[in-house]
PDB file of N, CA and C in Angstrom:
ATOM      1  N   UNK A   1     121.559 201.746 -50.827  1.00  0.00           N
ATOM      2  CA  UNK A   1     120.170 201.453 -50.516  1.00  0.00           C
ATOM      3  C   UNK A   1     119.777 200.067 -51.020  1.00  0.00           C
ATOM      4  N   UNK A   2     120.309 199.689 -52.166  1.00  0.00           N
ATOM      5  CA  UNK A   2     119.965 198.384 -52.729  1.00  0.00           C
ATOM      6  C   UNK A   2     120.430 197.250 -51.821  1.00  0.00           C
ATOM      7  N   UNK A   3     121.609 197.373 -51.224  1.00  0.00           N
ATOM      8  CA  UNK A   3     122.087 196.295 -50.355  1.00  0.00           C
ATOM      9  C   UNK A   3     121.207 196.166 -49.118  1.00  0.00           C
ATOM     10  N   UNK A   4     120.676 197.277 -48.625  1.00  0.00           N
ATOM     11  CA  UNK A   4     119.759 197.230 -47.495  1.00  0.00           C
ATOM     12  C   UNK A   4     118.468 196.503 -47.883  1.00  0.00           C
ATOM     13  N   UNK A   5     117.952 196.795 -49.068  1.00  0.00           N
ATOM     14  CA  UNK A   5     116.757 196.107 -49.551  1.00  0.00           C
ATOM     15  C   UNK A   5     117.036 194.625 -49.743  1.00  0.00           C
ATOM     16  N   UNK A   6     118.223 194.301 -50.253  1.00  0.00           N
ATOM     17  CA  UNK A   6     118.597 192.896 -50.419  1.00  0.00           C
ATOM     18  C   UNK A   6     118.649 192.191 -49.073  1.00  0.00           C
ATOM     19  N   UNK A   7     119.171 192.896 -48.055  1.00  0.00           N
ATOM     20  CA  UNK A   7     119.250 192.303 -46.721  1.00  0.00           C
ATOM     21  C   UNK A   7     117.860 192.007 -46.178  1.00  0.00           C
ATOM     22  N   UNK A   8     116.937 192.968 -46.307  1.00  0.00           N
ATOM     23  CA  UNK A   8     115.578 192.738 -45.834  1.00  0.00           C
ATOM     24  C   UNK A   8     114.910 191.612 -46.610  1.00  0.00           C
ATOM     25  N   UNK A   9     115.176 191.544 -47.898  1.00  0.00           N
ATOM     26  CA  UNK A   9     114.621 190.479 -48.713  1.00  0.00           C
ATOM     27  C   UNK A   9     115.138 189.124 -48.234  1.00  0.00           C
ATOM     28  N   UNK A  10     116.420 189.052 -47.930  1.00  0.00           N
ATOM     29  CA  UNK A  10     117.017 187.804 -47.440  1.00  0.00           C
ATOM     30  C   UNK A  10     116.414 187.405 -46.100  1.00  0.00           C
ATOM     31  N   UNK A  11     116.234 188.393 -45.223  1.00  0.00           N
ATOM     32  CA  UNK A  11     115.646 188.103 -43.919  1.00  0.00           C
ATOM     33  C   UNK A  11     114.204 187.627 -44.090  1.00  0.00           C
ATOM     34  N   UNK A  12     113.499 188.252 -45.001  1.00  0.00           N
ATOM     35  CA  UNK A  12     112.118 187.854 -45.269  1.00  0.00           C
ATOM     36  C   UNK A  12     112.060 186.416 -45.761  1.00  0.00           C
ATOM     37  N   UNK A  13     112.962 186.056 -46.646  1.00  0.00           N
ATOM     38  CA  UNK A  13     113.012 184.684 -47.152  1.00  0.00           C
ATOM     39  C   UNK A  13     113.353 183.717 -46.026  1.00  0.00           C
ATOM     40  N   UNK A  14     114.252 184.137 -45.139  1.00  0.00           N
ATOM     41  CA  UNK A  14     114.618 183.296 -44.010  1.00  0.00           C
ATOM     42  C   UNK A  14     113.410 183.076 -43.102  1.00  0.00           C
ATOM     43  N   UNK A  15     112.667 184.141 -42.847  1.00  0.00           N
ATOM     44  CA  UNK A  15     111.466 184.020 -42.007  1.00  0.00           C
ATOM     45  C   UNK A  15     110.486 183.033 -42.631  1.00  0.00           C
ATOM     46  N   UNK A  16     110.317 183.106 -43.943  1.00  0.00           N
ATOM     47  CA  UNK A  16     109.414 182.184 -44.622  1.00  0.00           C
ATOM     48  C   UNK A  16     109.915 180.751 -44.570  1.00  0.00           C
ATOM     49  N   UNK A  17     111.236 180.590 -44.475  1.00  0.00           N
ATOM     50  CA  UNK A  17     111.795 179.248 -44.499  1.00  0.00           C
ATOM     51  C   UNK A  17     111.771 178.564 -43.140  1.00  0.00           C
ATOM     52  N   UNK A  18     111.486 179.320 -42.075  1.00  0.00           N
ATOM     53  CA  UNK A  18     111.389 178.702 -40.759  1.00  0.00           C
ATOM     54  C   UNK A  18     110.148 177.830 -40.783  1.00  0.00           C
ATOM     55  N   UNK A  19     110.394 176.558 -40.946  1.00  0.00           N
ATOM     56  CA  UNK A  19     109.279 175.619 -41.123  1.00  0.00           C
ATOM     57  C   UNK A  19     108.568 175.379 -39.807  1.00  0.00           C
ATOM     58  N   UNK A  20     107.285 175.445 -39.870  1.00  0.00           N
ATOM     59  CA  UNK A  20     106.479 175.101 -38.713  1.00  0.00           C
ATOM     60  C   UNK A  20     106.304 173.586 -38.725  1.00  0.00           C
ATOM     61  N   UNK A  21     106.541 172.943 -37.596  1.00  0.00           N
ATOM     62  CA  UNK A  21     106.390 171.492 -37.567  1.00  0.00           C
ATOM     63  C   UNK A  21     104.947 171.073 -37.777  1.00  0.00           C
ATOM     64  N   UNK A  22     104.792 169.871 -38.257  1.00  0.00           N
ATOM     65  CA  UNK A  22     103.469 169.301 -38.470  1.00  0.00           C
ATOM     66  C   UNK A  22     102.811 169.089 -37.109  1.00  0.00           C
ATOM     67  N   UNK A  23     101.684 169.730 -36.884  1.00  0.00           N
ATOM     68  CA  UNK A  23     101.012 169.639 -35.576  1.00  0.00           C
ATOM     69  C   UNK A  23     100.537 168.232 -35.276  1.00  0.00           C
ATOM     70  N   UNK A  24     100.359 167.434 -36.294  1.00  0.00           N
ATOM     71  CA  UNK A  24      99.895 166.065 -36.100  1.00  0.00           C
ATOM     72  C   UNK A  24     101.037 165.123 -35.750  1.00  0.00           C
ATOM     73  N   UNK A  25     102.255 165.565 -35.948  1.00  0.00           N
ATOM     74  CA  UNK A  25     103.410 164.708 -35.722  1.00  0.00           C
ATOM     75  C   UNK A  25     103.606 164.458 -34.225  1.00  0.00           C
ATOM     76  N   UNK A  26     103.786 163.199 -33.827  1.00  0.00           N
ATOM     77  CA  UNK A  26     103.977 162.908 -32.400  1.00  0.00           C
ATOM     78  C   UNK A  26     105.312 163.433 -31.868  1.00  0.00           C
ATOM     79  N   UNK A  27     106.286 163.684 -32.766  1.00  0.00           N
ATOM     80  CA  UNK A  27     107.598 164.144 -32.313  1.00  0.00           C
ATOM     81  C   UNK A  27     107.585 165.612 -31.898  1.00  0.00           C
ATOM     82  N   UNK A  28     106.616 166.354 -32.359  1.00  0.00           N
ATOM     83  CA  UNK A  28     106.588 167.771 -32.036  1.00  0.00           C
ATOM     84  C   UNK A  28     105.563 168.035 -30.949  1.00  0.00           C
ATOM     85  N   UNK A  29     105.940 168.904 -30.063  1.00  0.00           N
ATOM     86  CA  UNK A  29     104.991 169.266 -29.022  1.00  0.00           C
ATOM     87  C   UNK A  29     104.622 170.732 -29.158  1.00  0.00           C
ATOM     88  N   UNK A  30     103.693 171.152 -28.378  1.00  0.00           N
ATOM     89  CA  UNK A  30     103.170 172.514 -28.461  1.00  0.00           C
ATOM     90  C   UNK A  30     104.276 173.543 -28.221  1.00  0.00           C
ATOM     91  N   UNK A  31     105.122 173.304 -27.242  1.00  0.00           N
ATOM     92  CA  UNK A  31     106.154 174.283 -26.917  1.00  0.00           C
ATOM     93  C   UNK A  31     107.177 174.430 -28.033  1.00  0.00           C
ATOM     94  N   UNK A  32     107.539 173.353 -28.671  1.00  0.00           N
ATOM     95  CA  UNK A  32     108.483 173.440 -29.794  1.00  0.00           C
ATOM     96  C   UNK A  32     107.841 174.187 -30.960  1.00  0.00           C
ATOM     97  N   UNK A  33     106.586 173.917 -31.214  1.00  0.00           N
ATOM     98  CA  UNK A  33     105.859 174.630 -32.265  1.00  0.00           C
ATOM     99  C   UNK A  33     105.826 176.121 -31.968  1.00  0.00           C
ATOM    100  N   UNK A  34     105.581 176.466 -30.708  1.00  0.00           N
ATOM    101  CA  UNK A  34     105.559 177.876 -30.314  1.00  0.00           C
ATOM    102  C   UNK A  34     106.934 178.526 -30.446  1.00  0.00           C
ATOM    103  N   UNK A  35     107.974 177.813 -30.054  1.00  0.00           N
ATOM    104  CA  UNK A  35     109.336 178.372 -30.182  1.00  0.00           C
ATOM    105  C   UNK A  35     109.657 178.694 -31.645  1.00  0.00           C
ATOM    106  N   UNK A  36     109.319 177.783 -32.521  1.00  0.00           N
ATOM    107  CA  UNK A  36     109.560 178.013 -33.946  1.00  0.00           C
ATOM    108  C   UNK A  36     108.685 179.152 -34.470  1.00  0.00           C
ATOM    109  N   UNK A  37     107.445 179.201 -34.019  1.00  0.00           N
ATOM    110  CA  UNK A  37     106.548 180.278 -34.435  1.00  0.00           C
ATOM    111  C   UNK A  37     107.036 181.635 -33.956  1.00  0.00           C
ATOM    112  N   UNK A  38     107.512 181.701 -32.708  1.00  0.00           N
ATOM    113  CA  UNK A  38     108.067 182.947 -32.179  1.00  0.00           C
ATOM    114  C   UNK A  38     109.286 183.390 -32.975  1.00  0.00           C
ATOM    115  N   UNK A  39     110.131 182.449 -33.326  1.00  0.00           N
ATOM    116  CA  UNK A  39     111.319 182.776 -34.118  1.00  0.00           C
ATOM    117  C   UNK A  39     110.916 183.311 -35.487  1.00  0.00           C
ATOM    118  N   UNK A  40     109.919 182.691 -36.070  1.00  0.00           N
ATOM    119  CA  UNK A  40     109.453 183.161 -37.378  1.00  0.00           C
ATOM    120  C   UNK A  40     108.910 184.585 -37.290  1.00  0.00           C
ATOM    121  N   UNK A  41     108.102 184.859 -36.284  1.00  0.00           N
ATOM    122  CA  UNK A  41     107.542 186.199 -36.120  1.00  0.00           C
ATOM    123  C   UNK A  41     108.654 187.208 -35.825  1.00  0.00           C
ATOM    124  N   UNK A  42     109.624 186.810 -35.007  1.00  0.00           N
ATOM    125  CA  UNK A  42     110.751 187.699 -34.706  1.00  0.00           C
ATOM    126  C   UNK A  42     111.497 188.072 -35.985  1.00  0.00           C
ATOM    127  N   UNK A  43     111.730 187.088 -36.836  1.00  0.00           N
ATOM    128  CA  UNK A  43     112.406 187.347 -38.109  1.00  0.00           C
ATOM    129  C   UNK A  43     111.549 188.222 -39.028  1.00  0.00           C
ATOM    130  N   UNK A  44     110.250 188.044 -38.965  1.00  0.00           N
ATOM    131  CA  UNK A  44     109.360 188.883 -39.777  1.00  0.00           C
ATOM    132  C   UNK A  44     109.447 190.348 -39.344  1.00  0.00           C
ATOM    133  N   UNK A  45     109.532 190.572 -38.030  1.00  0.00           N
ATOM    134  CA  UNK A  45     109.726 191.940 -37.541  1.00  0.00           C
ATOM    135  C   UNK A  45     111.053 192.490 -38.027  1.00  0.00           C
ATOM    136  N   UNK A  46     112.090 191.684 -37.935  1.00  0.00           N
ATOM    137  CA  UNK A  46     113.416 192.101 -38.368  1.00  0.00           C
ATOM    138  C   UNK A  46     113.427 192.471 -39.847  1.00  0.00           C
ATOM    139  N   UNK A  47     112.678 191.720 -40.644  1.00  0.00           N
ATOM    140  CA  UNK A  47     112.604 191.968 -42.084  1.00  0.00           C
ATOM    141  C   UNK A  47     111.597 193.062 -42.436  1.00  0.00           C
ATOM    142  N   UNK A  48     110.959 193.626 -41.412  1.00  0.00           N
ATOM    143  CA  UNK A  48     109.950 194.662 -41.603  1.00  0.00           C
ATOM    144  C   UNK A  48     108.831 194.212 -42.543  1.00  0.00           C
ATOM    145  N   UNK A  49     108.365 192.989 -42.283  1.00  0.00           N
ATOM    146  CA  UNK A  49     107.243 192.445 -43.048  1.00  0.00           C
ATOM    147  C   UNK A  49     105.985 193.264 -42.798  1.00  0.00           C
ATOM    148  N   UNK A  50     105.011 193.093 -43.653  1.00  0.00           N
ATOM    149  CA  UNK A  50     103.723 193.746 -43.539  1.00  0.00           C
ATOM    150  C   UNK A  50     103.066 193.369 -42.204  1.00  0.00           C
ATOM    151  N   UNK A  51     102.518 194.369 -41.520  1.00  0.00           N
ATOM    152  CA  UNK A  51     101.899 194.153 -40.208  1.00  0.00           C
ATOM    153  C   UNK A  51     100.783 193.112 -40.263  1.00  0.00           C
ATOM    154  N   UNK A  52      99.989 193.148 -41.307  1.00  0.00           N
ATOM    155  CA  UNK A  52      98.883 192.196 -41.414  1.00  0.00           C
ATOM    156  C   UNK A  52      99.398 190.768 -41.579  1.00  0.00           C
ATOM    157  N   UNK A  53     100.473 190.616 -42.307  1.00  0.00           N
ATOM    158  CA  UNK A  53     101.061 189.278 -42.485  1.00  0.00           C
ATOM    159  C   UNK A  53     101.599 188.752 -41.155  1.00  0.00           C
ATOM    160  N   UNK A  54     102.241 189.641 -40.386  1.00  0.00           N
ATOM    161  CA  UNK A  54     102.749 189.247 -39.069  1.00  0.00           C
ATOM    162  C   UNK A  54     101.584 188.835 -38.175  1.00  0.00           C
ATOM    163  N   UNK A  55     100.512 189.622 -38.176  1.00  0.00           N
ATOM    164  CA  UNK A  55      99.339 189.286 -37.357  1.00  0.00           C
ATOM    165  C   UNK A  55      98.741 187.935 -37.755  1.00  0.00           C
ATOM    166  N   UNK A  56      98.725 187.656 -39.042  1.00  0.00           N
ATOM    167  CA  UNK A  56      98.158 186.388 -39.520  1.00  0.00           C
ATOM    168  C   UNK A  56      98.961 185.202 -38.995  1.00  0.00           C
ATOM    169  N   UNK A  57     100.282 185.301 -39.082  1.00  0.00           N
ATOM    170  CA  UNK A  57     101.132 184.217 -38.565  1.00  0.00           C
ATOM    171  C   UNK A  57     100.943 184.081 -37.063  1.00  0.00           C
ATOM    172  N   UNK A  58     100.929 185.209 -36.351  1.00  0.00           N
ATOM    173  CA  UNK A  58     100.764 185.197 -34.898  1.00  0.00           C
ATOM    174  C   UNK A  58      99.430 184.565 -34.506  1.00  0.00           C
ATOM    175  N   UNK A  59      98.385 184.901 -35.228  1.00  0.00           N
ATOM    176  CA  UNK A  59      97.055 184.371 -34.921  1.00  0.00           C
ATOM    177  C   UNK A  59      96.996 182.853 -35.087  1.00  0.00           C
ATOM    178  N   UNK A  60      97.870 182.299 -35.906  1.00  0.00           N
ATOM    179  CA  UNK A  60      97.887 180.862 -36.129  1.00  0.00           C
ATOM    180  C   UNK A  60      98.595 180.072 -35.040  1.00  0.00           C
ATOM    181  N   UNK A  61      99.216 180.767 -34.103  1.00  0.00           N
ATOM    182  CA  UNK A  61      99.925 180.082 -33.018  1.00  0.00           C
ATOM    183  C   UNK A  61      99.003 179.886 -31.820  1.00  0.00           C
ATOM    184  N   UNK A  62      99.107 178.730 -31.188  1.00  0.00           N
ATOM    185  CA  UNK A  62      98.308 178.430 -29.994  1.00  0.00           C
ATOM    186  C   UNK A  62      99.104 178.907 -28.778  1.00  0.00           C
ATOM    187  N   UNK A  63      98.822 180.130 -28.332  1.00  0.00           N
ATOM    188  CA  UNK A  63      99.628 180.734 -27.268  1.00  0.00           C
ATOM    189  C   UNK A  63      98.993 180.599 -25.881  1.00  0.00           C
ATOM    190  N   UNK A  64      97.941 179.835 -25.765  1.00  0.00           N
ATOM    191  CA  UNK A  64      97.256 179.664 -24.480  1.00  0.00           C
ATOM    192  C   UNK A  64      97.872 178.522 -23.677  1.00  0.00           C
ATOM    193  N   UNK A  65      97.813 178.649 -22.365  1.00  0.00           N
ATOM    194  CA  UNK A  65      98.202 177.588 -21.423  1.00  0.00           C
ATOM    195  C   UNK A  65      99.607 177.035 -21.667  1.00  0.00           C
ATOM    196  N   UNK A  66     100.606 177.913 -21.655  1.00  0.00           N
ATOM    197  CA  UNK A  66     101.994 177.494 -21.837  1.00  0.00           C
ATOM    198  C   UNK A  66     102.612 177.254 -20.470  1.00  0.00           C
ATOM    199  N   UNK A  67     103.168 176.072 -20.263  1.00  0.00           N
ATOM    200  CA  UNK A  67     103.737 175.710 -18.967  1.00  0.00           C
ATOM    201  C   UNK A  67     105.139 176.280 -18.766  1.00  0.00           C
ATOM    202  N   UNK A  68     105.927 176.337 -19.812  1.00  0.00           N
ATOM    203  CA  UNK A  68     107.313 176.816 -19.723  1.00  0.00           C
ATOM    204  C   UNK A  68     107.326 178.323 -19.435  1.00  0.00           C
ATOM    205  N   UNK A  69     107.915 178.714 -18.291  1.00  0.00           N
ATOM    206  CA  UNK A  69     107.887 180.120 -17.870  1.00  0.00           C
ATOM    207  C   UNK A  69     108.620 181.045 -18.841  1.00  0.00           C
ATOM    208  N   UNK A  70     109.755 180.610 -19.323  1.00  0.00           N
ATOM    209  CA  UNK A  70     110.515 181.450 -20.263  1.00  0.00           C
ATOM    210  C   UNK A  70     109.730 181.647 -21.561  1.00  0.00           C
ATOM    211  N   UNK A  71     109.148 180.581 -22.057  1.00  0.00           N
ATOM    212  CA  UNK A  71     108.360 180.662 -23.281  1.00  0.00           C
ATOM    213  C   UNK A  71     107.143 181.562 -23.064  1.00  0.00           C
ATOM    214  N   UNK A  72     106.502 181.437 -21.910  1.00  0.00           N
ATOM    215  CA  UNK A  72     105.348 182.286 -21.593  1.00  0.00           C
ATOM    216  C   UNK A  72     105.767 183.760 -21.561  1.00  0.00           C
ATOM    217  N   UNK A  73     106.942 184.052 -21.013  1.00  0.00           N
ATOM    218  CA  UNK A  73     107.447 185.427 -20.978  1.00  0.00           C
ATOM    219  C   UNK A  73     107.736 185.931 -22.389  1.00  0.00           C
ATOM    220  N   UNK A  74     108.335 185.075 -23.222  1.00  0.00           N
ATOM    221  CA  UNK A  74     108.627 185.450 -24.612  1.00  0.00           C
ATOM    222  C   UNK A  74     107.333 185.724 -25.389  1.00  0.00           C
ATOM    223  N   UNK A  75     106.317 184.924 -25.122  1.00  0.00           N
ATOM    224  CA  UNK A  75     105.020 185.112 -25.781  1.00  0.00           C
ATOM    225  C   UNK A  75     104.413 186.448 -25.357  1.00  0.00           C
ATOM    226  N   UNK A  76     104.472 186.747 -24.065  1.00  0.00           N
ATOM    227  CA  UNK A  76     103.924 188.005 -23.560  1.00  0.00           C
ATOM    228  C   UNK A  76     104.660 189.194 -24.182  1.00  0.00           C
ATOM    229  N   UNK A  77     105.967 189.079 -24.273  1.00  0.00           N
ATOM    230  CA  UNK A  77     106.776 190.141 -24.875  1.00  0.00           C
ATOM    231  C   UNK A  77     106.417 190.342 -26.351  1.00  0.00           C
ATOM    232  N   UNK A  78     106.269 189.236 -27.088  1.00  0.00           N
ATOM    233  CA  UNK A  78     105.923 189.323 -28.499  1.00  0.00           C
ATOM    234  C   UNK A  78     104.505 189.853 -28.669  1.00  0.00           C
ATOM    235  N   UNK A  79     103.602 189.484 -27.781  1.00  0.00           N
ATOM    236  CA  UNK A  79     102.235 189.999 -27.855  1.00  0.00           C
ATOM    237  C   UNK A  79     102.241 191.519 -27.744  1.00  0.00           C
ATOM    238  N   UNK A  80     103.114 192.051 -26.901  1.00  0.00           N
ATOM    239  CA  UNK A  80     103.246 193.498 -26.781  1.00  0.00           C
ATOM    240  C   UNK A  80     103.690 194.131 -28.091  1.00  0.00           C
ATOM    241  N   UNK A  81     104.639 193.474 -28.775  1.00  0.00           N
ATOM    242  CA  UNK A  81     105.091 193.980 -30.082  1.00  0.00           C
ATOM    243  C   UNK A  81     103.964 193.908 -31.110  1.00  0.00           C
ATOM    244  N   UNK A  82     103.218 192.821 -31.079  1.00  0.00           N
ATOM    245  CA  UNK A  82     102.096 192.650 -32.008  1.00  0.00           C
ATOM    246  C   UNK A  82     101.060 193.749 -31.757  1.00  0.00           C
ATOM    247  N   UNK A  83     100.781 194.016 -30.483  1.00  0.00           N
ATOM    248  CA  UNK A  83      99.788 195.031 -30.130  1.00  0.00           C
ATOM    249  C   UNK A  83     100.203 196.426 -30.590  1.00  0.00           C
ATOM    250  N   UNK A  84     101.507 196.657 -30.719  1.00  0.00           N
ATOM    251  CA  UNK A  84     101.998 197.972 -31.146  1.00  0.00           C
ATOM    252  C   UNK A  84     102.127 198.112 -32.663  1.00  0.00           C
ATOM    253  N   UNK A  85     101.806 197.061 -33.392  1.00  0.00           N
ATOM    254  CA  UNK A  85     101.854 197.167 -34.852  1.00  0.00           C
ATOM    255  C   UNK A  85     100.833 198.199 -35.325  1.00  0.00           C
ATOM    256  N   UNK A  86     101.148 198.886 -36.425  1.00  0.00           N
ATOM    257  CA  UNK A  86     100.180 199.862 -36.932  1.00  0.00           C
ATOM    258  C   UNK A  86      98.885 199.170 -37.358  1.00  0.00           C
ATOM    259  N   UNK A  87      97.800 199.900 -37.191  1.00  0.00           N
ATOM    260  CA  UNK A  87      96.491 199.368 -37.577  1.00  0.00           C
ATOM    261  C   UNK A  87      96.449 199.163 -39.086  1.00  0.00           C
ATOM    262  N   UNK A  88      95.708 198.179 -39.494  1.00  0.00           N
ATOM    263  CA  UNK A  88      95.535 197.924 -40.923  1.00  0.00           C
ATOM    264  C   UNK A  88      94.666 199.005 -41.522  1.00  0.00           C
ATOM    265  N   UNK A  89      95.002 199.382 -42.729  1.00  0.00           N
ATOM    266  CA  UNK A  89      94.192 200.370 -43.435  1.00  0.00           C
ATOM    267  C   UNK A  89      92.906 199.691 -43.888  1.00  0.00           C
ATOM    268  N   UNK A  90      91.751 200.327 -43.657  1.00  0.00           N
ATOM    269  CA  UNK A  90      90.493 199.722 -44.113  1.00  0.00           C
ATOM    270  C   UNK A  90      90.445 199.710 -45.633  1.00  0.00           C
ATOM    271  N   UNK A  91      89.811 198.703 -46.156  1.00  0.00           N
ATOM    272  CA  UNK A  91      89.668 198.611 -47.597  1.00  0.00           C
ATOM    273  C   UNK A  91      88.751 199.718 -48.094  1.00  0.00           C
ATOM    274  N   UNK A  92      89.154 200.344 -49.173  1.00  0.00           N
ATOM    275  CA  UNK A  92      88.338 201.421 -49.722  1.00  0.00           C
ATOM    276  C   UNK A  92      87.276 200.836 -50.634  1.00  0.00           C
ATOM    277  N   UNK A  93      86.103 201.421 -50.537  1.00  0.00           N
ATOM    278  CA  UNK A  93      85.018 200.985 -51.404  1.00  0.00           C
ATOM    279  C   UNK A  93      85.221 201.564 -52.798  1.00  0.00           C
ATOM    280  N   UNK A  94      84.984 200.740 -53.787  1.00  0.00           N
ATOM    281  CA  UNK A  94      85.053 201.239 -55.167  1.00  0.00           C
ATOM    282  C   UNK A  94      83.647 201.542 -55.627  1.00  0.00           C
ATOM    283  N   UNK A  95      83.479 202.698 -56.200  1.00  0.00           N
ATOM    284  CA  UNK A  95      82.129 203.075 -56.640  1.00  0.00           C
ATOM    285  C   UNK A  95      82.099 203.303 -58.116  1.00  0.00           C
TER     286      UNK A  95
END
């Protein structure tokens, strides 16, 4: 069981290490940023990251108006996975 936990931990670290390019950089374009973001989210799913953390990363990606058909299909597919994530537990009030 420990080796399985170590594997997920390694995958989680890998997902965190997928650097998102600087949006202000002229060398990076929207599609490359999206490809890297999709890869990061895919790795987060693989590492069984917290659903809310995955949603936060996904929400930070600009997924509108993508010209590349393959990328648009990948985004649609990932959106389906995001939509199937378990709902976040509401915060409990402390009294």
